[in-house]
Amino acid sequence: MDIKDLTTYLGNHCRFKFRNGKDIYGVIWESNAKFFFSSKERHDSLLKKEGGMYKTWSPIDLFDQINPEDIIQVERIAR
């Protein structure tokens, strides 16, 4: 998926379909020009802990770095 199209979904709970055929539910966000994925619950917990500042999160807090090109479809579940 093109990065420009993907930015519409940043920080929202979505269903992601990946090139490998997996459907995964969660949240993606961008930090320091990289994209990351976590469950909605973990994402919400980190936002509360860090006051919404993605750039302050350490790599240990981040679940999975993802390549936007591996995402082929996105469906927003909730805002």
Protein backbone atom coordinates (compact mmCIF):
# COMPACT_ATOMS: atom_id res chain seq x y z
CA MET A 1 0.00 0.00 0.00
CA ASP A 2 1.22 3.47 -0.80
CA ILE A 3 2.40 5.40 2.28
CA LYS A 4 0.23 8.37 1.33
CA ASP A 5 -2.89 6.15 1.35
CA LEU A 6 -1.87 4.44 4.57
CA THR A 7 -1.55 7.69 6.55
CA THR A 8 -5.36 7.96 6.49
CA TYR A 9 -5.49 5.00 8.87
CA LEU A 10 -2.70 5.91 11.31
CA GLY A 11 -3.77 5.65 14.94
CA ASN A 12 -7.10 3.99 14.10
CA HIS A 13 -8.26 0.50 14.98
CA CYS A 14 -8.33 -1.37 11.66
CA ARG A 15 -8.31 -4.75 9.97
CA PHE A 16 -5.20 -5.15 7.84
CA LYS A 17 -4.80 -7.68 5.07
CA PHE A 18 -1.16 -8.48 4.35
CA ARG A 19 0.50 -9.90 1.23
CA ASN A 20 1.01 -13.22 3.01
CA GLY A 21 -2.80 -13.57 3.29
CA LYS A 22 -3.07 -12.84 7.02
CA ASP A 23 -5.85 -10.61 8.36
CA ILE A 24 -4.68 -8.81 11.49
CA TYR A 25 -6.60 -6.40 13.71
CA GLY A 26 -4.78 -3.56 15.43
CA VAL A 27 -3.34 -0.07 15.09
CA ILE A 28 -0.46 1.25 13.00
CA TRP A 29 1.46 4.46 13.55
CA GLU A 30 4.50 6.25 12.25
CA SER A 31 7.48 7.23 14.37
CA ASN A 32 10.84 8.47 13.12
CA ALA A 33 9.90 7.60 9.50
CA LYS A 34 9.12 3.96 10.42
CA PHE A 35 5.75 2.22 10.69
CA PHE A 36 4.74 0.09 13.66
CA PHE A 37 1.86 -2.20 14.57
CA SER A 38 0.33 -3.29 17.86
CA SER A 39 -2.97 -4.44 19.26
CA LYS A 40 -5.49 -1.68 19.94
CA GLU A 41 -5.25 -2.34 23.68
CA ARG A 42 -1.44 -2.07 23.76
CA HIS A 43 -1.51 1.05 21.61
CA ASP A 44 -4.07 2.73 23.91
CA SER A 45 -2.00 1.77 26.96
CA LEU A 46 1.15 3.30 25.48
CA LEU A 47 -0.67 6.50 24.54
CA LYS A 48 -1.88 6.95 28.12
CA LYS A 49 1.56 6.12 29.53
CA GLU A 50 3.45 8.53 27.26
CA GLY A 51 0.84 11.26 26.94
CA GLY A 52 0.35 10.56 23.24
CA MET A 53 3.97 11.16 22.25
CA TYR A 54 4.98 8.43 19.78
CA LYS A 55 8.53 9.74 19.48
CA THR A 56 9.23 9.05 23.18
CA TRP A 57 8.46 5.33 22.91
CA SER A 58 11.48 3.09 23.15
CA PRO A 59 11.84 0.09 20.78
CA ILE A 60 11.03 -2.28 23.65
CA ASP A 61 7.56 -0.69 23.85
CA LEU A 62 6.89 -1.13 20.15
CA PHE A 63 5.49 -4.41 18.96
CA ASP A 64 6.29 -4.90 15.31
CA GLN A 65 7.85 -2.70 12.71
CA ILE A 66 5.99 -3.17 9.42
CA ASN A 67 6.64 -2.45 5.79
CA PRO A 68 3.71 -0.49 4.30
CA GLU A 69 4.22 -2.30 1.00
CA ASP A 70 3.20 -5.56 2.71
CA ILE A 71 -0.30 -4.20 3.41
CA ILE A 72 -2.72 -4.74 0.54
CA GLN A 73 -6.03 -3.72 2.15
CA VAL A 74 -7.22 -1.75 5.19
CA GLU A 75 -10.66 -1.49 6.76
CA ARG A 76 -11.24 1.00 9.61
CA ILE A 77 -13.02 -0.64 12.56
CA ALA A 78 -13.36 2.34 14.91
CA ARG A 79 -12.02 5.86 15.30
